[in-house]
N, C-alpha and C. Protein backbone atom coordinates (compact mmCIF):
# COMPACT_ATOMS: atom_id res chain seq x y z
N THR A 1 -167.98 40.10 -84.28
CA THR A 1 -167.06 40.39 -84.90
C THR A 1 -167.76 40.32 -85.99
N ILE A 2 -166.86 40.51 -87.74
CA ILE A 2 -166.98 40.08 -88.91
C ILE A 2 -167.05 38.77 -88.93
N GLN A 3 -166.19 38.20 -88.52
CA GLN A 3 -165.82 36.83 -88.76
C GLN A 3 -167.00 36.17 -88.14
N GLU A 4 -167.50 36.13 -86.61
CA GLU A 4 -168.49 36.01 -86.59
C GLU A 4 -170.14 36.07 -87.15
N ALA A 5 -169.93 36.83 -87.79
CA ALA A 5 -171.53 37.43 -88.53
C ALA A 5 -171.69 36.81 -89.42
N LEU A 6 -170.13 36.79 -90.38
CA LEU A 6 -170.27 35.82 -91.57
C LEU A 6 -170.25 34.16 -91.50
N LYS A 7 -169.89 33.93 -90.01
CA LYS A 7 -170.17 32.34 -89.73
C LYS A 7 -171.87 32.35 -89.40
N ASN A 8 -172.51 33.17 -88.99
CA ASN A 8 -173.79 32.76 -88.49
C ASN A 8 -174.69 33.62 -89.47
N ASP A 9 -174.29 33.85 -90.88
CA ASP A 9 -174.63 33.84 -92.42
C ASP A 9 -175.49 35.55 -92.22
N MET A 10 -175.14 36.15 -91.15
CA MET A 10 -176.22 37.53 -90.85
C MET A 10 -175.89 38.78 -92.00
N THR A 11 -176.68 39.69 -92.08
CA THR A 11 -176.85 40.20 -93.00
C THR A 11 -176.24 41.91 -92.68
N LYS A 12 -176.41 41.87 -91.75
CA LYS A 12 -176.14 42.96 -90.33
C LYS A 12 -175.89 42.40 -89.40
N PHE A 13 -174.63 43.18 -88.81
CA PHE A 13 -174.27 43.13 -87.61
C PHE A 13 -173.61 44.57 -86.60
N GLN A 14 -173.88 44.22 -85.34
CA GLN A 14 -173.33 45.43 -84.18
C GLN A 14 -171.97 45.65 -84.24
N PHE A 15 -171.26 46.72 -84.53
CA PHE A 15 -169.60 47.02 -84.54
C PHE A 15 -169.50 48.43 -83.94
N GLU A 16 -168.85 47.89 -82.50
CA GLU A 16 -168.78 49.78 -81.96
C GLU A 16 -170.30 50.62 -82.00
N GLY A 17 -171.24 49.73 -81.25
CA GLY A 17 -172.33 50.83 -81.05
C GLY A 17 -173.10 50.91 -82.33
N LYS A 18 -172.76 50.17 -83.69
CA LYS A 18 -173.43 50.88 -84.81
C LYS A 18 -173.55 49.96 -85.33
N GLU A 19 -174.73 49.60 -86.35
CA GLU A 19 -175.44 48.43 -87.31
C GLU A 19 -174.94 48.70 -88.78
N ILE A 20 -174.16 47.31 -88.85
CA ILE A 20 -173.38 47.48 -90.44
C ILE A 20 -173.99 46.78 -91.03
N SER A 21 -173.92 46.55 -92.48
CA SER A 21 -174.68 45.81 -93.33
C SER A 21 -173.22 45.20 -93.57
N LEU A 22 -173.56 43.92 -93.51
CA LEU A 22 -172.65 42.86 -94.23
C LEU A 22 -172.68 42.29 -95.64
N ASP A 23 -171.48 42.47 -96.44
CA ASP A 23 -171.46 41.17 -97.77
C ASP A 23 -170.70 40.40 -98.08
N PRO A 24 -171.19 39.01 -97.64
CA PRO A 24 -170.18 38.14 -97.44
C PRO A 24 -169.06 37.90 -98.77
N ARG A 25 -169.66 38.40 -99.70
CA ARG A 25 -168.63 38.88 -101.03
C ARG A 25 -167.25 39.32 -100.81
N THR A 26 -167.43 40.53 -99.58
CA THR A 26 -166.45 41.48 -99.79
C THR A 26 -165.24 40.86 -98.96
N GLY A 27 -164.18 41.39 -99.53
CA GLY A 27 -163.15 41.05 -98.67
C GLY A 27 -162.23 41.80 -97.90
N ILE A 28 -161.03 42.08 -97.08
CA ILE A 28 -160.64 42.91 -96.71
C ILE A 28 -158.94 42.49 -97.25
N PHE A 29 -158.39 43.46 -97.34
CA PHE A 29 -156.70 43.21 -97.45
C PHE A 29 -155.70 44.05 -96.77
N ILE A 30 -154.81 43.50 -96.47
CA ILE A 30 -153.85 44.73 -95.80
C ILE A 30 -152.42 44.54 -96.20
N THR A 31 -151.88 45.95 -96.51
CA THR A 31 -150.27 45.75 -97.29
C THR A 31 -149.63 45.93 -95.70
N MET A 32 -148.35 44.78 -95.97
CA MET A 32 -147.63 45.00 -94.65
C MET A 32 -146.01 45.15 -96.06
N ASN A 33 -145.83 46.03 -95.08
CA ASN A 33 -144.07 46.68 -95.75
C ASN A 33 -143.39 46.81 -94.57
N PRO A 34 -142.91 45.81 -93.90
CA PRO A 34 -142.55 45.99 -92.24
C PRO A 34 -141.01 47.25 -92.30
N GLY A 35 -140.47 47.10 -93.84
CA GLY A 35 -138.54 47.73 -94.03
C GLY A 35 -139.23 49.16 -93.60
N TYR A 36 -140.39 49.72 -93.72
CA TYR A 36 -140.27 51.24 -94.16
C TYR A 36 -140.22 51.86 -92.97
N PRO A 37 -139.93 52.99 -92.55
CA PRO A 37 -139.77 53.86 -91.64
C PRO A 37 -140.81 54.17 -91.00
N GLY A 38 -140.82 54.53 -89.54
CA GLY A 38 -142.33 54.77 -89.14
C GLY A 38 -143.59 53.74 -89.28
N ARG A 39 -143.37 52.41 -89.76
CA ARG A 39 -144.28 51.50 -89.59
C ARG A 39 -144.12 50.31 -88.54
N ALA A 40 -145.50 50.09 -87.82
CA ALA A 40 -145.21 49.10 -86.89
C ALA A 40 -145.54 47.88 -87.25
N GLU A 41 -145.33 46.74 -86.44
CA GLU A 41 -145.41 45.27 -86.52
C GLU A 41 -146.68 45.24 -86.89
N LEU A 42 -147.23 44.46 -87.13
CA LEU A 42 -148.78 43.89 -87.15
C LEU A 42 -149.02 43.19 -85.37
N PRO A 43 -150.17 43.36 -84.59
CA PRO A 43 -149.96 42.32 -83.76
C PRO A 43 -150.18 40.85 -84.19
N GLU A 44 -149.83 39.76 -83.30
CA GLU A 44 -149.96 38.59 -83.78
C GLU A 44 -151.04 38.50 -83.86
N SER A 45 -152.12 38.51 -82.79
CA SER A 45 -153.63 38.39 -82.37
C SER A 45 -154.12 38.99 -83.68
N LEU A 46 -153.90 40.12 -84.43
CA LEU A 46 -154.54 40.43 -85.73
C LEU A 46 -153.82 39.75 -87.27
N LYS A 47 -152.86 39.36 -87.33
CA LYS A 47 -151.74 38.95 -87.98
C LYS A 47 -152.69 37.59 -88.51
N ALA A 48 -152.73 36.81 -87.43
CA ALA A 48 -153.68 35.40 -87.54
C ALA A 48 -155.00 35.42 -88.04
N LEU A 49 -155.71 36.70 -88.17
CA LEU A 49 -156.83 36.97 -88.98
C LEU A 49 -156.69 36.47 -90.36
N PHE A 50 -155.60 36.94 -91.02
CA PHE A 50 -155.64 37.01 -92.21
C PHE A 50 -154.39 36.01 -92.99
N ARG A 51 -154.46 35.87 -94.21
CA ARG A 51 -153.59 34.94 -94.91
C ARG A 51 -152.82 35.70 -95.75
N PRO A 52 -151.22 35.09 -95.81
CA PRO A 52 -150.19 35.85 -96.10
C PRO A 52 -150.31 35.81 -98.19
N VAL A 53 -149.94 36.56 -98.44
CA VAL A 53 -149.90 36.33 -99.89
C VAL A 53 -148.28 37.27 -100.33
N SER A 54 -147.71 36.70 -101.43
CA SER A 54 -146.53 36.94 -101.28
C SER A 54 -146.44 37.86 -102.86
N MET A 55 -146.05 38.79 -103.28
CA MET A 55 -146.02 39.50 -104.79
C MET A 55 -144.61 39.41 -105.08
N VAL A 56 -144.77 39.28 -106.70
CA VAL A 56 -143.26 39.55 -106.92
C VAL A 56 -143.85 39.86 -108.26
N VAL A 57 -142.86 40.82 -108.98
CA VAL A 57 -142.56 41.41 -110.77
C VAL A 57 -142.63 40.44 -111.55
N PRO A 58 -143.83 40.60 -112.44
CA PRO A 58 -144.08 39.45 -113.39
C PRO A 58 -142.79 39.55 -114.56
N ASP A 59 -142.22 38.51 -114.69
CA ASP A 59 -141.22 37.79 -116.12
C ASP A 59 -141.91 38.63 -117.31
N LEU A 60 -142.19 39.64 -118.19
CA LEU A 60 -142.42 39.75 -118.54
C LEU A 60 -142.44 39.04 -120.28
N ALA A 61 -140.47 39.23 -120.15
CA ALA A 61 -140.25 38.34 -121.41
C ALA A 61 -140.64 36.82 -121.51
N LEU A 62 -141.06 36.20 -119.94
CA LEU A 62 -141.00 34.56 -120.36
C LEU A 62 -142.29 34.58 -121.03
N ILE A 63 -143.46 35.40 -120.40
CA ILE A 63 -144.99 35.59 -120.67
C ILE A 63 -145.05 35.55 -122.04
N CYS A 64 -144.29 36.92 -122.73
CA CYS A 64 -144.62 36.97 -124.19
C CYS A 64 -144.05 35.61 -124.96
N GLU A 65 -142.68 35.42 -124.30
CA GLU A 65 -142.38 34.02 -125.55
C GLU A 65 -143.48 33.01 -125.37
N ILE A 66 -144.40 32.77 -123.96
CA ILE A 66 -145.46 31.93 -123.89
C ILE A 66 -146.14 32.15 -124.84
N MET A 67 -146.61 33.36 -124.67
CA MET A 67 -147.67 33.77 -125.77
C MET A 67 -147.47 33.58 -127.11
N LEU A 68 -146.41 34.06 -127.57
CA LEU A 68 -146.15 33.73 -128.85
C LEU A 68 -145.70 32.36 -129.43
N MET A 69 -145.61 31.66 -128.51
CA MET A 69 -145.07 30.45 -128.67
C MET A 69 -146.91 29.46 -128.80
N ALA A 70 -147.58 29.85 -128.33
CA ALA A 70 -148.76 29.26 -128.15
C ALA A 70 -149.67 29.85 -129.41
N GLU A 71 -148.97 30.66 -130.17
CA GLU A 71 -149.97 31.06 -131.11
C GLU A 71 -148.89 30.37 -132.26
N GLY A 72 -147.96 30.11 -132.01
CA GLY A 72 -147.30 29.14 -133.10
C GLY A 72 -145.71 29.65 -134.08
N PHE A 73 -145.71 30.93 -133.19
CA PHE A 73 -144.07 31.79 -133.62
C PHE A 73 -143.10 30.54 -133.34
N GLN A 74 -141.99 30.16 -134.44
CA GLN A 74 -141.34 29.25 -134.56
C GLN A 74 -139.76 30.14 -133.86
N MET A 75 -140.12 31.18 -133.55
CA MET A 75 -138.76 31.97 -132.98
C MET A 75 -139.03 32.79 -131.98
N SER A 76 -140.10 32.35 -130.83
CA SER A 76 -141.06 32.98 -129.95
C SER A 76 -139.58 33.78 -128.60
N LYS A 77 -138.48 32.90 -128.66
CA LYS A 77 -137.92 33.52 -127.86
C LYS A 77 -137.26 34.82 -128.24
N ILE A 78 -136.64 34.76 -129.52
CA ILE A 78 -135.91 35.66 -129.89
C ILE A 78 -137.02 37.25 -130.00
N LEU A 79 -138.23 36.69 -130.36
CA LEU A 79 -139.30 37.96 -130.45
C LEU A 79 -139.80 38.23 -129.13
N SER A 80 -139.43 37.48 -128.45
CA SER A 80 -139.98 38.13 -126.64
C SER A 80 -138.93 38.98 -126.45
């Protein structure tokens, strides 16, 4: 598997009968949106191989306020 090849510092490994080059700097990401129709849950055995990450919409007004404050603006909240 990919994990075993990474653990053994291999540059190539066999996967389903084919030799595949391995770059240890490469990551694999999956998007899970279980609320959408037609989407199935990922099996637990596969879920265990990935770390969960939550994403939210950034608060742009707060980001602007902090940037303006850092630049010395006195009325950063109003300007943001």
